[in-house]
């Protein structure tokens, strides 16, 4: 995350986690990739293609790790969106996909 951040995002991250060199262990402990192999619940990721906080490549690493362990994972990438969706049609699609996901995996678990 540090490598993909700039300016204010880096300073925000440094305030939350610490210096990425001096506090490397803290970054590793907080990285989703560190725990991706332990994910057992179905995972849905809805993300903007232009997300600077969580670049697509990072999400793809988590998806690959979850799949490698036989986990259920789906990632949807919305063009021209960032960290959150500004287009109404993408907001609506994300809500629909989330509800469908819950219906498929939470209701089935009952």
PDB file of N, CA and C in Angstrom:
ATOM      1  N   UNK A   1       0.824  -1.181   0.000  1.00  0.00           N
ATOM      2  CA  UNK A   1       0.000   0.000   0.000  1.00  0.00           C
ATOM      3  C   UNK A   1       0.873   1.250   0.000  1.00  0.00           C
ATOM      4  N   UNK A   2       1.941   1.218   0.770  1.00  0.00           N
ATOM      5  CA  UNK A   2       2.833   2.382   0.843  1.00  0.00           C
ATOM      6  C   UNK A   2       3.364   2.733  -0.536  1.00  0.00           C
ATOM      7  N   UNK A   3       3.768   1.738  -1.293  1.00  0.00           N
ATOM      8  CA  UNK A   3       4.370   1.975  -2.606  1.00  0.00           C
ATOM      9  C   UNK A   3       3.403   2.645  -3.569  1.00  0.00           C
ATOM     10  N   UNK A   4       2.117   2.421  -3.390  1.00  0.00           N
ATOM     11  CA  UNK A   4       1.118   2.980  -4.297  1.00  0.00           C
ATOM     12  C   UNK A   4       0.512   4.285  -3.793  1.00  0.00           C
ATOM     13  N   UNK A   5       0.884   4.698  -2.602  1.00  0.00           N
ATOM     14  CA  UNK A   5       0.325   5.923  -2.027  1.00  0.00           C
ATOM     15  C   UNK A   5       1.223   7.114  -2.322  1.00  0.00           C
ATOM     16  N   UNK A   6       0.634   8.289  -2.272  1.00  0.00           N
ATOM     17  CA  UNK A   6       1.391   9.529  -2.466  1.00  0.00           C
ATOM     18  C   UNK A   6       0.899  10.568  -1.457  1.00  0.00           C
ATOM     19  N   UNK A   7       1.732  11.555  -1.215  1.00  0.00           N
ATOM     20  CA  UNK A   7       1.365  12.728  -0.425  1.00  0.00           C
ATOM     21  C   UNK A   7       0.602  12.451   0.844  1.00  0.00           C
ATOM     22  N   UNK A   8      -0.600  13.028   0.912  1.00  0.00           N
ATOM     23  CA  UNK A   8      -1.425  12.929   2.110  1.00  0.00           C
ATOM     24  C   UNK A   8      -1.791  11.507   2.494  1.00  0.00           C
ATOM     25  N   UNK A   9      -1.982  10.636   1.497  1.00  0.00           N
ATOM     26  CA  UNK A   9      -2.303   9.241   1.816  1.00  0.00           C
ATOM     27  C   UNK A   9      -1.145   8.564   2.531  1.00  0.00           C
ATOM     28  N   UNK A  10       0.062   8.863   2.107  1.00  0.00           N
ATOM     29  CA  UNK A  10       1.234   8.286   2.782  1.00  0.00           C
ATOM     30  C   UNK A  10       1.338   8.773   4.216  1.00  0.00           C
ATOM     31  N   UNK A  11       1.112  10.055   4.411  1.00  0.00           N
ATOM     32  CA  UNK A  11       1.214  10.602   5.764  1.00  0.00           C
ATOM     33  C   UNK A  11       0.112  10.046   6.662  1.00  0.00           C
ATOM     34  N   UNK A  12      -1.058   9.871   6.109  1.00  0.00           N
ATOM     35  CA  UNK A  12      -2.159   9.261   6.855  1.00  0.00           C
ATOM     36  C   UNK A  12      -1.784   7.836   7.259  1.00  0.00           C
ATOM     37  N   UNK A  13      -1.244   7.094   6.315  1.00  0.00           N
ATOM     38  CA  UNK A  13      -0.835   5.715   6.573  1.00  0.00           C
ATOM     39  C   UNK A  13       0.281   5.672   7.612  1.00  0.00           C
ATOM     40  N   UNK A  14       1.252   6.568   7.506  1.00  0.00           N
ATOM     41  CA  UNK A  14       2.352   6.610   8.473  1.00  0.00           C
ATOM     42  C   UNK A  14       1.803   6.886   9.880  1.00  0.00           C
ATOM     43  N   UNK A  15       0.812   7.758   9.974  1.00  0.00           N
ATOM     44  CA  UNK A  15       0.220   8.065  11.279  1.00  0.00           C
ATOM     45  C   UNK A  15      -0.520   6.856  11.855  1.00  0.00           C
ATOM     46  N   UNK A  16      -1.130   6.062  11.003  1.00  0.00           N
ATOM     47  CA  UNK A  16      -1.875   4.888  11.468  1.00  0.00           C
ATOM     48  C   UNK A  16      -0.980   3.706  11.814  1.00  0.00           C
ATOM     49  N   UNK A  17       0.009   3.447  10.965  1.00  0.00           N
ATOM     50  CA  UNK A  17       0.778   2.208  11.071  1.00  0.00           C
ATOM     51  C   UNK A  17       2.221   2.447  11.499  1.00  0.00           C
ATOM     52  N   UNK A  18       2.785   3.572  11.109  1.00  0.00           N
ATOM     53  CA  UNK A  18       4.187   3.854  11.413  1.00  0.00           C
ATOM     54  C   UNK A  18       5.007   3.923  10.145  1.00  0.00           C
ATOM     55  N   UNK A  19       6.294   4.012  10.317  1.00  0.00           N
ATOM     56  CA  UNK A  19       7.213   4.076   9.191  1.00  0.00           C
ATOM     57  C   UNK A  19       7.316   2.691   8.538  1.00  0.00           C
ATOM     58  N   UNK A  20       7.177   2.609   7.218  1.00  0.00           N
ATOM     59  CA  UNK A  20       7.162   1.299   6.572  1.00  0.00           C
ATOM     60  C   UNK A  20       8.484   0.524   6.677  1.00  0.00           C
ATOM     61  N   UNK A  21       9.572   1.211   6.878  1.00  0.00           N
ATOM     62  CA  UNK A  21      10.855   0.519   7.041  1.00  0.00           C
ATOM     63  C   UNK A  21      11.049   0.120   8.499  1.00  0.00           C
ATOM     64  N   UNK A  22      10.922   1.077   9.390  1.00  0.00           N
ATOM     65  CA  UNK A  22      11.149   0.809  10.812  1.00  0.00           C
ATOM     66  C   UNK A  22      10.068  -0.095  11.403  1.00  0.00           C
ATOM     67  N   UNK A  23       8.862  -0.007  10.882  1.00  0.00           N
ATOM     68  CA  UNK A  23       7.732  -0.769  11.424  1.00  0.00           C
ATOM     69  C   UNK A  23       7.235  -1.818  10.437  1.00  0.00           C
ATOM     70  N   UNK A  24       8.156  -2.451   9.723  1.00  0.00           N
ATOM     71  CA  UNK A  24       7.785  -3.420   8.681  1.00  0.00           C
ATOM     72  C   UNK A  24       6.883  -4.531   9.224  1.00  0.00           C
ATOM     73  N   UNK A  25       7.165  -5.000  10.418  1.00  0.00           N
ATOM     74  CA  UNK A  25       6.348  -6.076  11.004  1.00  0.00           C
ATOM     75  C   UNK A  25       4.902  -5.634  11.195  1.00  0.00           C
ATOM     76  N   UNK A  26       4.695  -4.377  11.563  1.00  0.00           N
ATOM     77  CA  UNK A  26       3.331  -3.864  11.730  1.00  0.00           C
ATOM     78  C   UNK A  26       2.598  -3.863  10.401  1.00  0.00           C
ATOM     79  N   UNK A  27       3.290  -3.498   9.333  1.00  0.00           N
ATOM     80  CA  UNK A  27       2.678  -3.511   8.002  1.00  0.00           C
ATOM     81  C   UNK A  27       2.310  -4.937   7.599  1.00  0.00           C
ATOM     82  N   UNK A  28       3.184  -5.883   7.875  1.00  0.00           N
ATOM     83  CA  UNK A  28       2.900  -7.274   7.527  1.00  0.00           C
ATOM     84  C   UNK A  28       1.709  -7.808   8.326  1.00  0.00           C
ATOM     85  N   UNK A  29       1.636  -7.442   9.607  1.00  0.00           N
ATOM     86  CA  UNK A  29       0.515  -7.890  10.446  1.00  0.00           C
ATOM     87  C   UNK A  29      -0.807  -7.325   9.954  1.00  0.00           C
ATOM     88  N   UNK A  30      -0.795  -6.154   9.346  1.00  0.00           N
ATOM     89  CA  UNK A  30      -2.032  -5.508   8.922  1.00  0.00           C
ATOM     90  C   UNK A  30      -2.371  -5.742   7.454  1.00  0.00           C
ATOM     91  N   UNK A  31      -1.522  -6.449   6.756  1.00  0.00           N
ATOM     92  CA  UNK A  31      -1.769  -6.687   5.336  1.00  0.00           C
ATOM     93  C   UNK A  31      -2.803  -7.796   5.136  1.00  0.00           C
ATOM     94  N   UNK A  32      -3.849  -7.543   4.361  1.00  0.00           N
ATOM     95  CA  UNK A  32      -4.807  -8.607   4.062  1.00  0.00           C
ATOM     96  C   UNK A  32      -4.143  -9.829   3.416  1.00  0.00           C
ATOM     97  N   UNK A  33      -3.089  -9.613   2.658  1.00  0.00           N
ATOM     98  CA  UNK A  33      -2.416 -10.733   2.002  1.00  0.00           C
ATOM     99  C   UNK A  33      -1.821 -11.702   3.023  1.00  0.00           C
ATOM    100  N   UNK A  34      -1.413 -11.192   4.164  1.00  0.00           N
ATOM    101  CA  UNK A  34      -0.862 -12.041   5.221  1.00  0.00           C
ATOM    102  C   UNK A  34      -1.879 -13.099   5.650  1.00  0.00           C
ATOM    103  N   UNK A  35      -3.156 -12.756   5.614  1.00  0.00           N
ATOM    104  CA  UNK A  35      -4.201 -13.634   6.130  1.00  0.00           C
ATOM    105  C   UNK A  35      -5.073 -14.261   5.043  1.00  0.00           C
ATOM    106  N   UNK A  36      -4.787 -13.971   3.809  1.00  0.00           N
ATOM    107  CA  UNK A  36      -5.657 -14.430   2.714  1.00  0.00           C
ATOM    108  C   UNK A  36      -5.812 -15.941   2.682  1.00  0.00           C
ATOM    109  N   UNK A  37      -4.773 -16.673   3.029  1.00  0.00           N
ATOM    110  CA  UNK A  37      -4.855 -18.135   3.008  1.00  0.00           C
ATOM    111  C   UNK A  37      -5.772 -18.683   4.093  1.00  0.00           C
ATOM    112  N   UNK A  38      -6.087 -17.855   5.073  1.00  0.00           N
ATOM    113  CA  UNK A  38      -6.959 -18.294   6.165  1.00  0.00           C
ATOM    114  C   UNK A  38      -8.438 -17.996   5.901  1.00  0.00           C
ATOM    115  N   UNK A  39      -8.734 -17.300   4.821  1.00  0.00           N
ATOM    116  CA  UNK A  39     -10.121 -16.918   4.533  1.00  0.00           C
ATOM    117  C   UNK A  39     -10.925 -18.163   4.191  1.00  0.00           C
ATOM    118  N   UNK A  40     -12.001 -18.354   4.941  1.00  0.00           N
ATOM    119  CA  UNK A  40     -12.875 -19.507   4.717  1.00  0.00           C
ATOM    120  C   UNK A  40     -14.261 -19.076   4.237  1.00  0.00           C
ATOM    121  N   UNK A  41     -14.678 -17.888   4.582  1.00  0.00           N
ATOM    122  CA  UNK A  41     -15.990 -17.390   4.160  1.00  0.00           C
ATOM    123  C   UNK A  41     -15.904 -16.914   2.711  1.00  0.00           C
ATOM    124  N   UNK A  42     -16.968 -17.049   1.959  1.00  0.00           N
ATOM    125  CA  UNK A  42     -16.983 -16.509   0.598  1.00  0.00           C
ATOM    126  C   UNK A  42     -16.681 -15.009   0.612  1.00  0.00           C
ATOM    127  N   UNK A  43     -15.834 -14.590  -0.299  1.00  0.00           N
ATOM    128  CA  UNK A  43     -15.352 -13.205  -0.329  1.00  0.00           C
ATOM    129  C   UNK A  43     -15.756 -12.536  -1.635  1.00  0.00           C
ATOM    130  N   UNK A  44     -16.441 -11.411  -1.520  1.00  0.00           N
ATOM    131  CA  UNK A  44     -16.824 -10.595  -2.674  1.00  0.00           C
ATOM    132  C   UNK A  44     -16.071  -9.282  -2.594  1.00  0.00           C
ATOM    133  N   UNK A  45     -15.387  -8.922  -3.665  1.00  0.00           N
ATOM    134  CA  UNK A  45     -14.677  -7.649  -3.728  1.00  0.00           C
ATOM    135  C   UNK A  45     -15.247  -6.822  -4.874  1.00  0.00           C
ATOM    136  N   UNK A  46     -15.724  -5.640  -4.551  1.00  0.00           N
ATOM    137  CA  UNK A  46     -16.252  -4.694  -5.537  1.00  0.00           C
ATOM    138  C   UNK A  46     -15.345  -3.486  -5.490  1.00  0.00           C
ATOM    139  N   UNK A  47     -14.723  -3.165  -6.611  1.00  0.00           N
ATOM    140  CA  UNK A  47     -13.650  -2.186  -6.581  1.00  0.00           C
ATOM    141  C   UNK A  47     -13.596  -1.344  -7.842  1.00  0.00           C
ATOM    142  N   UNK A  48     -13.204  -0.098  -7.667  1.00  0.00           N
ATOM    143  CA  UNK A  48     -12.993   0.773  -8.808  1.00  0.00           C
ATOM    144  C   UNK A  48     -11.670   0.482  -9.487  1.00  0.00           C
ATOM    145  N   UNK A  49     -11.659   0.537 -10.803  1.00  0.00           N
ATOM    146  CA  UNK A  49     -10.421   0.322 -11.578  1.00  0.00           C
ATOM    147  C   UNK A  49      -9.339   1.338 -11.220  1.00  0.00           C
ATOM    148  N   UNK A  50      -9.752   2.546 -10.821  1.00  0.00           N
ATOM    149  CA  UNK A  50      -8.794   3.610 -10.537  1.00  0.00           C
ATOM    150  C   UNK A  50      -8.564   3.818  -9.045  1.00  0.00           C
ATOM    151  N   UNK A  51      -8.744   2.784  -8.256  1.00  0.00           N
ATOM    152  CA  UNK A  51      -8.565   2.885  -6.805  1.00  0.00           C
ATOM    153  C   UNK A  51      -7.080   3.045  -6.486  1.00  0.00           C
ATOM    154  N   UNK A  52      -6.706   4.202  -5.940  1.00  0.00           N
ATOM    155  CA  UNK A  52      -5.301   4.433  -5.600  1.00  0.00           C
ATOM    156  C   UNK A  52      -4.965   3.888  -4.223  1.00  0.00           C
ATOM    157  N   UNK A  53      -5.953   3.679  -3.384  1.00  0.00           N
ATOM    158  CA  UNK A  53      -5.691   3.139  -2.048  1.00  0.00           C
ATOM    159  C   UNK A  53      -5.495   1.629  -2.096  1.00  0.00           C
ATOM    160  N   UNK A  54      -6.285   0.964  -2.922  1.00  0.00           N
ATOM    161  CA  UNK A  54      -6.178  -0.485  -3.071  1.00  0.00           C
ATOM    162  C   UNK A  54      -6.125  -0.779  -4.572  1.00  0.00           C
ATOM    163  N   UNK A  55      -4.938  -0.753  -5.149  1.00  0.00           N
ATOM    164  CA  UNK A  55      -4.811  -1.012  -6.582  1.00  0.00           C
ATOM    165  C   UNK A  55      -5.270  -2.431  -6.953  1.00  0.00           C
ATOM    166  N   UNK A  56      -5.742  -2.555  -8.161  1.00  0.00           N
ATOM    167  CA  UNK A  56      -6.264  -3.839  -8.649  1.00  0.00           C
ATOM    168  C   UNK A  56      -5.279  -4.988  -8.416  1.00  0.00           C
ATOM    169  N   UNK A  57      -4.010  -4.737  -8.621  1.00  0.00           N
ATOM    170  CA  UNK A  57      -3.015  -5.797  -8.442  1.00  0.00           C
ATOM    171  C   UNK A  57      -3.013  -6.376  -7.045  1.00  0.00           C
ATOM    172  N   UNK A  58      -3.243  -5.545  -6.040  1.00  0.00           N
ATOM    173  CA  UNK A  58      -3.295  -6.040  -4.663  1.00  0.00           C
ATOM    174  C   UNK A  58      -4.517  -6.927  -4.456  1.00  0.00           C
ATOM    175  N   UNK A  59      -5.631  -6.517  -5.012  1.00  0.00           N
ATOM    176  CA  UNK A  59      -6.838  -7.332  -4.915  1.00  0.00           C
ATOM    177  C   UNK A  59      -6.634  -8.661  -5.628  1.00  0.00           C
ATOM    178  N   UNK A  60      -6.010  -8.619  -6.792  1.00  0.00           N
ATOM    179  CA  UNK A  60      -5.770  -9.854  -7.540  1.00  0.00           C
ATOM    180  C   UNK A  60      -4.874 -10.822  -6.765  1.00  0.00           C
ATOM    181  N   UNK A  61      -3.934 -10.290  -5.974  1.00  0.00           N
ATOM    182  CA  UNK A  61      -3.094 -11.163  -5.138  1.00  0.00           C
ATOM    183  C   UNK A  61      -3.935 -11.892  -4.092  1.00  0.00           C
ATOM    184  N   UNK A  62      -4.855 -11.175  -3.469  1.00  0.00           N
ATOM    185  CA  UNK A  62      -5.728 -11.794  -2.472  1.00  0.00           C
ATOM    186  C   UNK A  62      -6.638 -12.819  -3.139  1.00  0.00           C
ATOM    187  N   UNK A  63      -7.212 -12.467  -4.278  1.00  0.00           N
ATOM    188  CA  UNK A  63      -8.079 -13.401  -5.010  1.00  0.00           C
ATOM    189  C   UNK A  63      -7.316 -14.684  -5.332  1.00  0.00           C
ATOM    190  N   UNK A  64      -6.120 -14.538  -5.812  1.00  0.00           N
ATOM    191  CA  UNK A  64      -5.298 -15.706  -6.168  1.00  0.00           C
ATOM    192  C   UNK A  64      -5.017 -16.576  -4.939  1.00  0.00           C
ATOM    193  N   UNK A  65      -4.704 -15.955  -3.812  1.00  0.00           N
ATOM    194  CA  UNK A  65      -4.408 -16.709  -2.589  1.00  0.00           C
ATOM    195  C   UNK A  65      -5.645 -17.443  -2.075  1.00  0.00           C
ATOM    196  N   UNK A  66      -6.802 -16.790  -2.119  1.00  0.00           N
ATOM    197  CA  UNK A  66      -8.036 -17.429  -1.660  1.00  0.00           C
ATOM    198  C   UNK A  66      -8.381 -18.603  -2.569  1.00  0.00           C
ATOM    199  N   UNK A  67      -8.279 -18.398  -3.871  1.00  0.00           N
ATOM    200  CA  UNK A  67      -8.567 -19.480  -4.824  1.00  0.00           C
ATOM    201  C   UNK A  67      -7.603 -20.644  -4.660  1.00  0.00           C
ATOM    202  N   UNK A  68      -6.341 -20.349  -4.395  1.00  0.00           N
ATOM    203  CA  UNK A  68      -5.332 -21.401  -4.232  1.00  0.00           C
ATOM    204  C   UNK A  68      -5.673 -22.327  -3.064  1.00  0.00           C
ATOM    205  N   UNK A  69      -6.397 -21.803  -2.089  1.00  0.00           N
ATOM    206  CA  UNK A  69      -6.818 -22.610  -0.944  1.00  0.00           C
ATOM    207  C   UNK A  69      -8.217 -23.174  -1.115  1.00  0.00           C
ATOM    208  N   UNK A  70      -8.757 -23.088  -2.323  1.00  0.00           N
ATOM    209  CA  UNK A  70     -10.074 -23.639  -2.593  1.00  0.00           C
ATOM    210  C   UNK A  70     -11.216 -22.770  -2.103  1.00  0.00           C
ATOM    211  N   UNK A  71     -10.928 -21.533  -1.773  1.00  0.00           N
ATOM    212  CA  UNK A  71     -11.950 -20.616  -1.291  1.00  0.00           C
ATOM    213  C   UNK A  71     -12.807 -20.054  -2.410  1.00  0.00           C
ATOM    214  N   UNK A  72     -13.955 -19.531  -2.021  1.00  0.00           N
ATOM    215  CA  UNK A  72     -14.880 -18.898  -2.950  1.00  0.00           C
ATOM    216  C   UNK A  72     -14.596 -17.402  -2.927  1.00  0.00           C
ATOM    217  N   UNK A  73     -14.286 -16.850  -4.086  1.00  0.00           N
ATOM    218  CA  UNK A  73     -13.972 -15.425  -4.175  1.00  0.00           C
ATOM    219  C   UNK A  73     -14.374 -14.902  -5.541  1.00  0.00           C
ATOM    220  N   UNK A  74     -14.877 -13.682  -5.547  1.00  0.00           N
ATOM    221  CA  UNK A  74     -15.225 -13.021  -6.799  1.00  0.00           C
ATOM    222  C   UNK A  74     -14.801 -11.565  -6.691  1.00  0.00           C
ATOM    223  N   UNK A  75     -14.226 -11.050  -7.742  1.00  0.00           N
ATOM    224  CA  UNK A  75     -13.818  -9.644  -7.782  1.00  0.00           C
ATOM    225  C   UNK A  75     -14.441  -8.990  -9.012  1.00  0.00           C
ATOM    226  N   UNK A  76     -15.082  -7.862  -8.771  1.00  0.00           N
ATOM    227  CA  UNK A  76     -15.696  -7.073  -9.837  1.00  0.00           C
ATOM    228  C   UNK A  76     -15.004  -5.718  -9.842  1.00  0.00           C
ATOM    229  N   UNK A  77     -14.570  -5.287 -11.014  1.00  0.00           N
ATOM    230  CA  UNK A  77     -13.860  -4.009 -11.146  1.00  0.00           C
ATOM    231  C   UNK A  77     -14.709  -3.050 -11.987  1.00  0.00           C
ATOM    232  N   UNK A  78     -14.950  -1.873 -11.433  1.00  0.00           N
ATOM    233  CA  UNK A  78     -15.780  -0.874 -12.108  1.00  0.00           C
ATOM    234  C   UNK A  78     -14.894   0.151 -12.798  1.00  0.00           C
ATOM    235  N   UNK A  79     -15.031   0.288 -14.129  1.00  0.00           N
ATOM    236  CA  UNK A  79     -14.234   1.262 -14.883  1.00  0.00           C
ATOM    237  C   UNK A  79     -14.506   2.698 -14.408  1.00  0.00           C
ATOM    238  N   UNK A  80     -13.481   3.503 -14.448  1.00  0.00           N
ATOM    239  CA  UNK A  80     -13.569   4.939 -14.145  1.00  0.00           C
ATOM    240  C   UNK A  80     -14.096   5.225 -12.742  1.00  0.00           C
ATOM    241  N   UNK A  81     -13.857   4.315 -11.808  1.00  0.00           N
ATOM    242  CA  UNK A  81     -14.226   4.530 -10.411  1.00  0.00           C
ATOM    243  C   UNK A  81     -12.969   4.416  -9.552  1.00  0.00           C
ATOM    244  N   UNK A  82     -13.021   5.056  -8.406  1.00  0.00           N
ATOM    245  CA  UNK A  82     -11.891   5.018  -7.486  1.00  0.00           C
ATOM    246  C   UNK A  82     -12.217   4.191  -6.258  1.00  0.00           C
ATOM    247  N   UNK A  83     -11.822   4.689  -5.079  1.00  0.00           N
ATOM    248  CA  UNK A  83     -12.058   4.011  -3.805  1.00  0.00           C
ATOM    249  C   UNK A  83     -13.447   4.408  -3.314  1.00  0.00           C
ATOM    250  N   UNK A  84     -14.432   3.794  -3.890  1.00  0.00           N
ATOM    251  CA  UNK A  84     -15.833   4.166  -3.699  1.00  0.00           C
ATOM    252  C   UNK A  84     -16.404   4.495  -5.065  1.00  0.00           C
ATOM    253  N   UNK A  85     -17.701   4.446  -5.174  1.00  0.00           N
ATOM    254  CA  UNK A  85     -18.315   4.610  -6.476  1.00  0.00           C
ATOM    255  C   UNK A  85     -19.091   5.918  -6.550  1.00  0.00           C
ATOM    256  N   UNK A  86     -18.822   6.692  -7.597  1.00  0.00           N
ATOM    257  CA  UNK A  86     -19.526   7.964  -7.776  1.00  0.00           C
ATOM    258  C   UNK A  86     -20.685   7.846  -8.765  1.00  0.00           C
ATOM    259  N   UNK A  87     -20.625   6.886  -9.652  1.00  0.00           N
ATOM    260  CA  UNK A  87     -21.681   6.719 -10.655  1.00  0.00           C
ATOM    261  C   UNK A  87     -22.851   5.937 -10.060  1.00  0.00           C
ATOM    262  N   UNK A  88     -24.057   6.477 -10.235  1.00  0.00           N
ATOM    263  CA  UNK A  88     -25.256   5.856  -9.666  1.00  0.00           C
ATOM    264  C   UNK A  88     -25.440   4.421 -10.155  1.00  0.00           C
ATOM    265  N   UNK A  89     -25.163   4.188 -11.417  1.00  0.00           N
ATOM    266  CA  UNK A  89     -25.365   2.829 -11.952  1.00  0.00           C
ATOM    267  C   UNK A  89     -24.403   1.825 -11.311  1.00  0.00           C
ATOM    268  N   UNK A  90     -23.196   2.268 -10.961  1.00  0.00           N
ATOM    269  CA  UNK A  90     -22.244   1.376 -10.288  1.00  0.00           C
ATOM    270  C   UNK A  90     -22.628   1.158  -8.830  1.00  0.00           C
ATOM    271  N   UNK A  91     -23.144   2.195  -8.192  1.00  0.00           N
ATOM    272  CA  UNK A  91     -23.637   2.046  -6.821  1.00  0.00           C
ATOM    273  C   UNK A  91     -24.775   1.037  -6.774  1.00  0.00           C
ATOM    274  N   UNK A  92     -25.680   1.162  -7.730  1.00  0.00           N
ATOM    275  CA  UNK A  92     -26.824   0.249  -7.792  1.00  0.00           C
ATOM    276  C   UNK A  92     -26.360  -1.178  -8.089  1.00  0.00           C
ATOM    277  N   UNK A  93     -25.446  -1.329  -9.025  1.00  0.00           N
ATOM    278  CA  UNK A  93     -24.934  -2.653  -9.367  1.00  0.00           C
ATOM    279  C   UNK A  93     -24.227  -3.286  -8.169  1.00  0.00           C
ATOM    280  N   UNK A  94     -23.441  -2.500  -7.456  1.00  0.00           N
ATOM    281  CA  UNK A  94     -22.724  -3.012  -6.284  1.00  0.00           C
ATOM    282  C   UNK A  94     -23.705  -3.472  -5.203  1.00  0.00           C
ATOM    283  N   UNK A  95     -24.762  -2.707  -4.974  1.00  0.00           N
ATOM    284  CA  UNK A  95     -25.782  -3.108  -3.992  1.00  0.00           C
ATOM    285  C   UNK A  95     -26.457  -4.409  -4.415  1.00  0.00           C
ATOM    286  N   UNK A  96     -26.805  -4.488  -5.696  1.00  0.00           N
ATOM    287  CA  UNK A  96     -27.457  -5.706  -6.200  1.00  0.00           C
ATOM    288  C   UNK A  96     -26.549  -6.918  -6.039  1.00  0.00           C
ATOM    289  N   UNK A  97     -25.289  -6.749  -6.415  1.00  0.00           N
ATOM    290  CA  UNK A  97     -24.348  -7.863  -6.294  1.00  0.00           C
ATOM    291  C   UNK A  97     -24.143  -8.271  -4.834  1.00  0.00           C
ATOM    292  N   UNK A  98     -24.095  -7.290  -3.944  1.00  0.00           N
ATOM    293  CA  UNK A  98     -23.925  -7.586  -2.519  1.00  0.00           C
ATOM    294  C   UNK A  98     -25.125  -8.358  -1.980  1.00  0.00           C
ATOM    295  N   UNK A  99     -26.334  -7.893  -2.310  1.00  0.00           N
ATOM    296  CA  UNK A  99     -27.534  -8.601  -1.849  1.00  0.00           C
ATOM    297  C   UNK A  99     -27.604 -10.010  -2.435  1.00  0.00           C
ATOM    298  N   UNK A 100     -27.280 -10.151  -3.705  1.00  0.00           N
ATOM    299  CA  UNK A 100     -27.262 -11.480  -4.330  1.00  0.00           C
ATOM    300  C   UNK A 100     -26.254 -12.388  -3.637  1.00  0.00           C
ATOM    301  N   UNK A 101     -25.103 -11.828  -3.295  1.00  0.00           N
ATOM    302  CA  UNK A 101     -24.041 -12.594  -2.613  1.00  0.00           C
ATOM    303  C   UNK A 101     -24.537 -13.065  -1.243  1.00  0.00           C
ATOM    304  N   UNK A 102     -25.167 -12.150  -0.513  1.00  0.00           N
ATOM    305  CA  UNK A 102     -25.705 -12.519   0.800  1.00  0.00           C
ATOM    306  C   UNK A 102     -26.773 -13.598   0.653  1.00  0.00           C
ATOM    307  N   UNK A 103     -27.647 -13.438  -0.323  1.00  0.00           N
ATOM    308  CA  UNK A 103     -28.674 -14.458  -0.542  1.00  0.00           C
ATOM    309  C   UNK A 103     -28.043 -15.809  -0.839  1.00  0.00           C
ATOM    310  N   UNK A 104     -27.036 -15.809  -1.656  1.00  0.00           N
ATOM    311  CA  UNK A 104     -26.392 -17.053  -2.069  1.00  0.00           C
ATOM    312  C   UNK A 104     -25.640 -17.723  -0.925  1.00  0.00           C
ATOM    313  N   UNK A 105     -24.914 -16.945  -0.124  1.00  0.00           N
ATOM    314  CA  UNK A 105     -24.025 -17.564   0.860  1.00  0.00           C
ATOM    315  C   UNK A 105     -24.499 -17.464   2.301  1.00  0.00           C
ATOM    316  N   UNK A 106     -25.227 -16.440   2.674  1.00  0.00           N
ATOM    317  CA  UNK A 106     -25.702 -16.361   4.051  1.00  0.00           C
ATOM    318  C   UNK A 106     -27.002 -17.139   4.244  1.00  0.00           C
ATOM    319  N   UNK A 107     -27.932 -16.986   3.315  1.00  0.00           N
ATOM    320  CA  UNK A 107     -29.183 -17.727   3.431  1.00  0.00           C
ATOM    321  C   UNK A 107     -28.948 -19.225   3.283  1.00  0.00           C
ATOM    322  N   UNK A 108     -28.021 -19.589   2.435  1.00  0.00           N
ATOM    323  CA  UNK A 108     -27.718 -21.008   2.225  1.00  0.00           C
ATOM    324  C   UNK A 108     -27.127 -21.637   3.472  1.00  0.00           C
ATOM    325  N   UNK A 109     -26.480 -20.846   4.322  1.00  0.00           N
ATOM    326  CA  UNK A 109     -25.824 -21.378   5.508  1.00  0.00           C
ATOM    327  C   UNK A 109     -26.816 -21.710   6.631  1.00  0.00           C
ATOM    328  N   UNK A 110     -28.040 -21.200   6.544  1.00  0.00           N
ATOM    329  CA  UNK A 110     -29.023 -21.451   7.605  1.00  0.00           C
ATOM    330  C   UNK A 110     -29.459 -22.884   7.663  1.00  0.00           C
TER     331      UNK A 110
END
